[in-house]
Amino acid sequence: MSTETFPPSDEEALRRVRSGEIDQFEILMRRYNQRLYRTVRSVFPGNPSEAEDVVQDAWVRAYTHLDQFEGKASFSTWIVRIGLHEAWARARRGRRVSSIRDAEEEVSSMKTEHDGGDPERQAASGELRTLLEGAVDALPETYRTVFMLRSIEELSTAETAQCLDVSEDVVKTRLHRARAILRRELLARAGASEAVLYPFLGARCDRIVAAVLERIKRIEGIERPEPSLLH
């Protein structure tokens, strides 16, 4: 008799988190970390460290506001919208955290992930990926975000419209224009797959999950009343 088990659905994982099984939140993070990172990355081209910070903030905000998730849209749409609002707010404040140490950590992370022989990285040409990512980063933000959600994350037009709170026609128009720009600049000559862009490999995912869980533990520690010493 088979004893194979499957990961819980979003709804089941959320139910368990709400009932106190905080570790179930990791399932949701690992399920949607790549999508959230790629979406936030569209707001901060060339700044992966900033994008990681925003992803962490978005997950913590989602955890502390789970009572506000009513299930009218999917959980993945909800977390993407939280991430975008966090990113846009930070961008408006003009916070750009960039340092030599951040750059060194990113290079080190990329080297570690590459040395691990990850199939996703082996399948992509590093030089070509760099060219494509540079072309996408150069897009205007409104086109870049739609392109990231539709072409790279492969969300439907309706899902993308929900995430961005715009009409489906707007999504279609922006995607068409984004692709036209990219085709003119690079893709017609490169002939490469869009899906190889911005690989979200194990080390980055692990780093974000660990940081968010640590922050959640601190939140839980603060919110729980200290046991009284008086009897």
C-alpha atoms as a PDB file:
ATOM      1  CA  MET A   1       0.000   0.000   0.000  1.00  0.00           C
ATOM      2  CA  SER A   2       1.373   3.415  -1.020  1.00  0.00           C
ATOM      3  CA  THR A   3       2.254   5.847   1.765  1.00  0.00           C
ATOM      4  CA  GLU A   4       3.088   8.705  -0.590  1.00  0.00           C
ATOM      5  CA  THR A   5       2.027  12.062   0.793  1.00  0.00           C
ATOM      6  CA  PHE A   6       1.501  15.298  -1.067  1.00  0.00           C
ATOM      7  CA  PRO A   7       2.095  18.894   0.063  1.00  0.00           C
ATOM      8  CA  PRO A   8      -1.045  20.533   1.408  1.00  0.00           C
ATOM      9  CA  SER A   9      -3.002  22.920  -0.780  1.00  0.00           C
ATOM     10  CA  ASP A  10      -2.737  26.649  -0.129  1.00  0.00           C
ATOM     11  CA  GLU A  11      -6.054  26.559   1.696  1.00  0.00           C
ATOM     12  CA  GLU A  12      -4.989  23.683   3.947  1.00  0.00           C
ATOM     13  CA  ALA A  13      -1.592  25.241   4.686  1.00  0.00           C
ATOM     14  CA  LEU A  14      -3.274  28.531   5.593  1.00  0.00           C
ATOM     15  CA  ARG A  15      -5.748  26.759   7.842  1.00  0.00           C
ATOM     16  CA  ARG A  16      -2.891  25.068   9.676  1.00  0.00           C
ATOM     17  CA  VAL A  17      -0.912  28.307  10.017  1.00  0.00           C
ATOM     18  CA  ARG A  18      -3.940  30.038  11.462  1.00  0.00           C
ATOM     19  CA  SER A  19      -4.392  27.188  13.926  1.00  0.00           C
ATOM     20  CA  GLY A  20      -0.846  27.653  15.204  1.00  0.00           C
ATOM     21  CA  GLU A  21       1.267  25.412  12.942  1.00  0.00           C
ATOM     22  CA  ILE A  22       3.662  28.187  11.949  1.00  0.00           C
ATOM     23  CA  ASP A  23       6.007  25.791  10.168  1.00  0.00           C
ATOM     24  CA  GLN A  24       3.322  25.366   7.476  1.00  0.00           C
ATOM     25  CA  PHE A  25       4.038  28.941   6.384  1.00  0.00           C
ATOM     26  CA  GLU A  26       7.341  27.683   4.967  1.00  0.00           C
ATOM     27  CA  ILE A  27       5.385  25.580   2.462  1.00  0.00           C
ATOM     28  CA  LEU A  28       3.725  28.700   1.101  1.00  0.00           C
ATOM     29  CA  MET A  29       7.002  30.621   1.024  1.00  0.00           C
ATOM     30  CA  ARG A  30       8.825  27.946  -0.930  1.00  0.00           C
ATOM     31  CA  ARG A  31       5.853  27.548  -3.263  1.00  0.00           C
ATOM     32  CA  TYR A  32       5.709  31.230  -4.228  1.00  0.00           C
ATOM     33  CA  ASN A  33       9.159  32.614  -3.383  1.00  0.00           C
ATOM     34  CA  GLN A  34      10.368  32.615  -6.982  1.00  0.00           C
ATOM     35  CA  ARG A  35       7.241  34.310  -8.309  1.00  0.00           C
ATOM     36  CA  LEU A  36       7.357  36.946  -5.590  1.00  0.00           C
ATOM     37  CA  TYR A  37      11.077  37.599  -6.064  1.00  0.00           C
ATOM     38  CA  ARG A  38      10.792  37.919  -9.835  1.00  0.00           C
ATOM     39  CA  THR A  39       7.831  40.292  -9.501  1.00  0.00           C
ATOM     40  CA  VAL A  40       9.543  42.505  -6.926  1.00  0.00           C
ATOM     41  CA  ARG A  41      12.760  42.354  -8.959  1.00  0.00           C
ATOM     42  CA  SER A  42      10.887  44.089 -11.786  1.00  0.00           C
ATOM     43  CA  VAL A  43      10.607  47.189  -9.575  1.00  0.00           C
ATOM     44  CA  PHE A  44      14.296  47.147  -8.661  1.00  0.00           C
ATOM     45  CA  PRO A  45      16.230  46.344 -11.860  1.00  0.00           C
ATOM     46  CA  GLY A  46      19.882  45.692 -11.167  1.00  0.00           C
ATOM     47  CA  ASN A  47      19.366  45.544  -7.406  1.00  0.00           C
ATOM     48  CA  PRO A  48      18.748  41.933  -6.291  1.00  0.00           C
ATOM     49  CA  SER A  49      19.639  42.720  -2.660  1.00  0.00           C
ATOM     50  CA  GLU A  50      16.867  45.321  -2.475  1.00  0.00           C
ATOM     51  CA  ALA A  51      14.454  42.868  -4.052  1.00  0.00           C
ATOM     52  CA  GLU A  52      15.312  40.227  -1.434  1.00  0.00           C
ATOM     53  CA  ASP A  53      14.695  42.728   1.381  1.00  0.00           C
ATOM     54  CA  VAL A  54      11.284  43.585  -0.037  1.00  0.00           C
ATOM     55  CA  VAL A  55      10.377  39.907  -0.476  1.00  0.00           C
ATOM     56  CA  GLN A  56      11.160  39.296   3.195  1.00  0.00           C
ATOM     57  CA  ASP A  57       9.068  42.318   4.223  1.00  0.00           C
ATOM     58  CA  ALA A  58       6.194  41.117   2.052  1.00  0.00           C
ATOM     59  CA  TRP A  59       6.173  37.646   3.609  1.00  0.00           C
ATOM     60  CA  VAL A  60       6.272  39.067   7.133  1.00  0.00           C
ATOM     61  CA  ARG A  61       3.448  41.482   6.299  1.00  0.00           C
ATOM     62  CA  ALA A  62       1.424  38.640   4.811  1.00  0.00           C
ATOM     63  CA  TYR A  63       1.922  36.536   7.944  1.00  0.00           C
ATOM     64  CA  THR A  64       0.940  39.341  10.308  1.00  0.00           C
ATOM     65  CA  HIS A  65      -2.148  40.162   8.211  1.00  0.00           C
ATOM     66  CA  LEU A  66      -3.407  36.670   7.401  1.00  0.00           C
ATOM     67  CA  ASP A  67      -6.720  37.615   8.987  1.00  0.00           C
ATOM     68  CA  GLN A  68      -7.216  40.046   6.086  1.00  0.00           C
ATOM     69  CA  PHE A  69      -6.951  37.325   3.442  1.00  0.00           C
ATOM     70  CA  GLU A  70     -10.550  36.496   2.580  1.00  0.00           C
ATOM     71  CA  GLY A  71      -9.911  34.130  -0.319  1.00  0.00           C
ATOM     72  CA  LYS A  72     -11.615  36.327  -2.918  1.00  0.00           C
ATOM     73  CA  ALA A  73      -8.492  35.977  -5.042  1.00  0.00           C
ATOM     74  CA  SER A  74      -5.907  33.202  -4.892  1.00  0.00           C
ATOM     75  CA  PHE A  75      -3.234  33.330  -2.205  1.00  0.00           C
ATOM     76  CA  SER A  76      -0.559  33.670  -4.890  1.00  0.00           C
ATOM     77  CA  THR A  77      -2.271  36.778  -6.276  1.00  0.00           C
ATOM     78  CA  TRP A  78      -2.625  38.200  -2.768  1.00  0.00           C
ATOM     79  CA  ILE A  79       1.061  37.773  -1.891  1.00  0.00           C
ATOM     80  CA  VAL A  80       2.167  39.220  -5.253  1.00  0.00           C
ATOM     81  CA  ARG A  81       0.032  42.296  -4.641  1.00  0.00           C
ATOM     82  CA  ILE A  82       1.517  42.704  -1.180  1.00  0.00           C
ATOM     83  CA  GLY A  83       5.003  42.408  -2.663  1.00  0.00           C
ATOM     84  CA  LEU A  84       4.296  44.993  -5.341  1.00  0.00           C
ATOM     85  CA  HIS A  85       2.849  47.478  -2.856  1.00  0.00           C
ATOM     86  CA  GLU A  86       5.870  46.990  -0.590  1.00  0.00           C
ATOM     87  CA  ALA A  87       8.203  47.502  -3.553  1.00  0.00           C
ATOM     88  CA  TRP A  88       6.410  50.578  -4.860  1.00  0.00           C
ATOM     89  CA  ALA A  89       6.315  52.132  -1.391  1.00  0.00           C
ATOM     90  CA  ARG A  90      10.028  51.595  -0.907  1.00  0.00           C
ATOM     91  CA  ALA A  91      10.793  52.925  -4.381  1.00  0.00           C
ATOM     92  CA  ARG A  92       8.748  56.059  -3.661  1.00  0.00           C
ATOM     93  CA  ARG A  93      10.695  56.623  -0.475  1.00  0.00           C
ATOM     94  CA  GLY A  94      13.840  56.470  -2.543  1.00  0.00           C
ATOM     95  CA  ARG A  95      15.426  53.748  -0.426  1.00  0.00           C
ATOM     96  CA  ARG A  96      18.127  52.112  -2.443  1.00  0.00           C
ATOM     97  CA  VAL A  97      20.269  49.907  -0.219  1.00  0.00           C
ATOM     98  CA  SER A  98      23.404  49.241  -2.212  1.00  0.00           C
ATOM     99  CA  SER A  99      26.875  48.474  -0.898  1.00  0.00           C
ATOM    100  CA  ILE A 100      30.060  46.635  -1.770  1.00  0.00           C
ATOM    101  CA  ARG A 101      29.147  43.960   0.768  1.00  0.00           C
ATOM    102  CA  ASP A 102      25.787  43.380  -0.917  1.00  0.00           C
ATOM    103  CA  ALA A 103      27.523  42.970  -4.246  1.00  0.00           C
ATOM    104  CA  GLU A 104      30.054  40.568  -2.776  1.00  0.00           C
ATOM    105  CA  GLU A 105      27.280  38.500  -1.173  1.00  0.00           C
ATOM    106  CA  GLU A 106      25.399  38.311  -4.471  1.00  0.00           C
ATOM    107  CA  VAL A 107      28.494  37.205  -6.370  1.00  0.00           C
ATOM    108  CA  SER A 108      29.255  34.652  -3.656  1.00  0.00           C
ATOM    109  CA  SER A 109      25.674  33.365  -3.765  1.00  0.00           C
ATOM    110  CA  MET A 110      25.766  33.019  -7.538  1.00  0.00           C
ATOM    111  CA  LYS A 111      29.079  31.161  -7.360  1.00  0.00           C
ATOM    112  CA  THR A 112      27.760  28.780  -4.703  1.00  0.00           C
ATOM    113  CA  GLU A 113      24.620  28.057  -6.685  1.00  0.00           C
ATOM    114  CA  HIS A 114      26.622  27.514  -9.863  1.00  0.00           C
ATOM    115  CA  ASP A 115      29.155  25.239  -8.201  1.00  0.00           C
ATOM    116  CA  GLY A 116      26.317  23.100  -6.885  1.00  0.00           C
ATOM    117  CA  GLY A 117      25.580  21.926 -10.411  1.00  0.00           C
ATOM    118  CA  ASP A 118      21.944  23.059 -10.315  1.00  0.00           C
ATOM    119  CA  PRO A 119      20.190  21.786 -13.505  1.00  0.00           C
ATOM    120  CA  GLU A 120      18.333  25.074 -13.903  1.00  0.00           C
ATOM    121  CA  ARG A 121      21.588  27.016 -14.129  1.00  0.00           C
ATOM    122  CA  GLN A 122      23.278  24.412 -16.310  1.00  0.00           C
ATOM    123  CA  ALA A 123      20.405  24.636 -18.787  1.00  0.00           C
ATOM    124  CA  ALA A 124      20.926  28.349 -19.385  1.00  0.00           C
ATOM    125  CA  SER A 125      23.742  30.233 -21.026  1.00  0.00           C
ATOM    126  CA  GLY A 126      25.154  32.677 -18.496  1.00  0.00           C
ATOM    127  CA  GLU A 127      26.208  35.188 -21.116  1.00  0.00           C
ATOM    128  CA  LEU A 128      22.885  35.087 -22.930  1.00  0.00           C
ATOM    129  CA  ARG A 129      20.939  35.301 -19.681  1.00  0.00           C
ATOM    130  CA  THR A 130      22.911  38.393 -18.704  1.00  0.00           C
ATOM    131  CA  LEU A 131      22.076  40.040 -22.027  1.00  0.00           C
ATOM    132  CA  LEU A 132      18.397  39.190 -21.724  1.00  0.00           C
ATOM    133  CA  GLU A 133      18.129  40.313 -18.113  1.00  0.00           C
ATOM    134  CA  GLY A 134      19.776  43.597 -19.045  1.00  0.00           C
ATOM    135  CA  ALA A 135      17.247  44.092 -21.835  1.00  0.00           C
ATOM    136  CA  VAL A 136      14.324  43.362 -19.511  1.00  0.00           C
ATOM    137  CA  ASP A 137      15.751  45.632 -16.798  1.00  0.00           C
ATOM    138  CA  ALA A 138      15.907  48.460 -19.353  1.00  0.00           C
ATOM    139  CA  LEU A 139      12.155  48.266 -20.035  1.00  0.00           C
ATOM    140  CA  PRO A 140       9.916  50.945 -18.507  1.00  0.00           C
ATOM    141  CA  GLU A 141       8.636  49.628 -15.159  1.00  0.00           C
ATOM    142  CA  THR A 142       4.995  49.295 -16.237  1.00  0.00           C
ATOM    143  CA  TYR A 143       6.035  47.070 -19.147  1.00  0.00           C
ATOM    144  CA  ARG A 144       8.700  45.251 -17.145  1.00  0.00           C
ATOM    145  CA  THR A 145       6.308  44.136 -14.400  1.00  0.00           C
ATOM    146  CA  VAL A 146       3.712  42.852 -16.853  1.00  0.00           C
ATOM    147  CA  PHE A 147       6.410  41.042 -18.828  1.00  0.00           C
ATOM    148  CA  MET A 148       7.750  39.458 -15.638  1.00  0.00           C
ATOM    149  CA  LEU A 149       4.329  38.169 -14.581  1.00  0.00           C
ATOM    150  CA  ARG A 150       3.056  37.073 -17.994  1.00  0.00           C
ATOM    151  CA  SER A 151       6.111  35.861 -19.898  1.00  0.00           C
ATOM    152  CA  ILE A 152       8.495  34.773 -17.169  1.00  0.00           C
ATOM    153  CA  GLU A 153       6.112  33.615 -14.426  1.00  0.00           C
ATOM    154  CA  GLU A 154       3.504  32.592 -17.020  1.00  0.00           C
ATOM    155  CA  LEU A 155       0.490  33.976 -15.162  1.00  0.00           C
ATOM    156  CA  SER A 156      -2.671  34.332 -17.200  1.00  0.00           C
ATOM    157  CA  THR A 157      -3.865  37.727 -18.407  1.00  0.00           C
ATOM    158  CA  ALA A 158      -6.631  37.659 -15.783  1.00  0.00           C
ATOM    159  CA  GLU A 159      -4.234  36.770 -12.950  1.00  0.00           C
ATOM    160  CA  THR A 160      -1.821  39.520 -13.995  1.00  0.00           C
ATOM    161  CA  ALA A 161      -4.646  42.039 -14.145  1.00  0.00           C
ATOM    162  CA  GLN A 162      -5.677  41.043 -10.615  1.00  0.00           C
ATOM    163  CA  CYS A 163      -2.129  41.403  -9.308  1.00  0.00           C
ATOM    164  CA  LEU A 164      -1.717  44.874 -10.803  1.00  0.00           C
ATOM    165  CA  ASP A 165      -5.315  46.028 -10.331  1.00  0.00           C
ATOM    166  CA  VAL A 166      -5.659  46.978 -13.997  1.00  0.00           C
ATOM    167  CA  SER A 167      -7.879  45.752 -16.817  1.00  0.00           C
ATOM    168  CA  GLU A 168      -7.018  42.752 -18.962  1.00  0.00           C
ATOM    169  CA  ASP A 169      -6.814  45.041 -21.991  1.00  0.00           C
ATOM    170  CA  VAL A 170      -4.128  47.098 -20.244  1.00  0.00           C
ATOM    171  CA  VAL A 171      -2.166  43.919 -19.522  1.00  0.00           C
ATOM    172  CA  LYS A 172      -2.386  42.833 -23.160  1.00  0.00           C
ATOM    173  CA  THR A 173      -1.302  46.240 -24.429  1.00  0.00           C
ATOM    174  CA  ARG A 174       1.660  46.512 -22.055  1.00  0.00           C
ATOM    175  CA  LEU A 175       2.816  42.976 -22.812  1.00  0.00           C
ATOM    176  CA  HIS A 176       2.614  43.607 -26.543  1.00  0.00           C
ATOM    177  CA  ARG A 177       4.671  46.773 -26.231  1.00  0.00           C
ATOM    178  CA  ALA A 178       7.208  45.118 -23.917  1.00  0.00           C
ATOM    179  CA  ARG A 179       7.738  42.285 -26.357  1.00  0.00           C
ATOM    180  CA  ALA A 180       8.026  44.686 -29.265  1.00  0.00           C
ATOM    181  CA  ILE A 181      10.772  46.613 -27.480  1.00  0.00           C
ATOM    182  CA  LEU A 182      12.629  43.459 -26.526  1.00  0.00           C
ATOM    183  CA  ARG A 183      12.279  41.961 -29.985  1.00  0.00           C
ATOM    184  CA  ARG A 184      13.657  45.126 -31.513  1.00  0.00           C
ATOM    185  CA  GLU A 185      16.525  45.340 -29.048  1.00  0.00           C
ATOM    186  CA  LEU A 186      17.558  41.765 -28.556  1.00  0.00           C
ATOM    187  CA  LEU A 187      15.218  38.805 -28.756  1.00  0.00           C
ATOM    188  CA  ALA A 188      14.977  38.695 -32.546  1.00  0.00           C
ATOM    189  CA  ARG A 189      18.748  38.175 -32.682  1.00  0.00           C
ATOM    190  CA  ALA A 190      19.079  36.019 -29.582  1.00  0.00           C
ATOM    191  CA  GLY A 191      16.194  33.634 -30.259  1.00  0.00           C
ATOM    192  CA  ALA A 192      16.259  32.554 -26.610  1.00  0.00           C
ATOM    193  CA  SER A 193      13.603  31.411 -24.198  1.00  0.00           C
ATOM    194  CA  GLU A 194      12.282  34.047 -21.811  1.00  0.00           C
ATOM    195  CA  ALA A 195      11.759  31.446 -19.087  1.00  0.00           C
ATOM    196  CA  VAL A 196      15.501  31.143 -18.311  1.00  0.00           C
ATOM    197  CA  LEU A 197      15.626  34.657 -16.874  1.00  0.00           C
ATOM    198  CA  TYR A 198      16.238  35.452 -13.202  1.00  0.00           C
ATOM    199  CA  PRO A 199      16.832  31.914 -11.925  1.00  0.00           C
ATOM    200  CA  PHE A 200      15.636  31.548  -8.357  1.00  0.00           C
ATOM    201  CA  LEU A 201      17.971  28.901  -7.032  1.00  0.00           C
ATOM    202  CA  GLY A 202      18.225  27.063  -3.728  1.00  0.00           C
ATOM    203  CA  ALA A 203      20.549  29.384  -1.826  1.00  0.00           C
ATOM    204  CA  ARG A 204      18.414  32.491  -2.347  1.00  0.00           C
ATOM    205  CA  CYS A 205      15.208  30.646  -1.462  1.00  0.00           C
ATOM    206  CA  ASP A 206      16.792  29.170   1.680  1.00  0.00           C
ATOM    207  CA  ARG A 207      18.121  32.572   2.713  1.00  0.00           C
ATOM    208  CA  ILE A 208      14.740  34.275   2.395  1.00  0.00           C
ATOM    209  CA  VAL A 209      12.873  31.446   4.151  1.00  0.00           C
ATOM    210  CA  ALA A 210      15.334  31.423   7.070  1.00  0.00           C
ATOM    211  CA  ALA A 211      15.196  35.195   7.492  1.00  0.00           C
ATOM    212  CA  VAL A 212      11.392  35.336   7.373  1.00  0.00           C
ATOM    213  CA  LEU A 213      10.950  32.454   9.825  1.00  0.00           C
ATOM    214  CA  GLU A 214      13.367  34.149  12.231  1.00  0.00           C
ATOM    215  CA  ARG A 215      11.387  37.374  12.033  1.00  0.00           C
ATOM    216  CA  ILE A 216       8.117  35.485  12.576  1.00  0.00           C
ATOM    217  CA  LYS A 217       9.599  33.821  15.666  1.00  0.00           C
ATOM    218  CA  ARG A 218      10.467  37.244  17.057  1.00  0.00           C
ATOM    219  CA  ILE A 219       6.944  38.469  16.323  1.00  0.00           C
ATOM    220  CA  GLU A 220       5.435  35.461  18.056  1.00  0.00           C
ATOM    221  CA  GLY A 221       7.745  35.957  21.030  1.00  0.00           C
ATOM    222  CA  ILE A 222       6.711  39.585  21.368  1.00  0.00           C
ATOM    223  CA  GLU A 223       3.019  38.929  20.975  1.00  0.00           C
ATOM    224  CA  ARG A 224       2.864  36.102  23.487  1.00  0.00           C
ATOM    225  CA  PRO A 225       2.426  37.488  27.030  1.00  0.00           C
ATOM    226  CA  GLU A 226       5.238  36.679  29.383  1.00  0.00           C
ATOM    227  CA  PRO A 227       4.237  34.211  32.132  1.00  0.00           C
ATOM    228  CA  SER A 228       3.404  36.015  35.341  1.00  0.00           C
ATOM    229  CA  LEU A 229       5.694  35.533  38.300  1.00  0.00           C
ATOM    230  CA  LEU A 230       2.944  36.557  40.692  1.00  0.00           C
ATOM    231  CA  HIS A 231       0.558  33.968  42.133  1.00  0.00           C
END
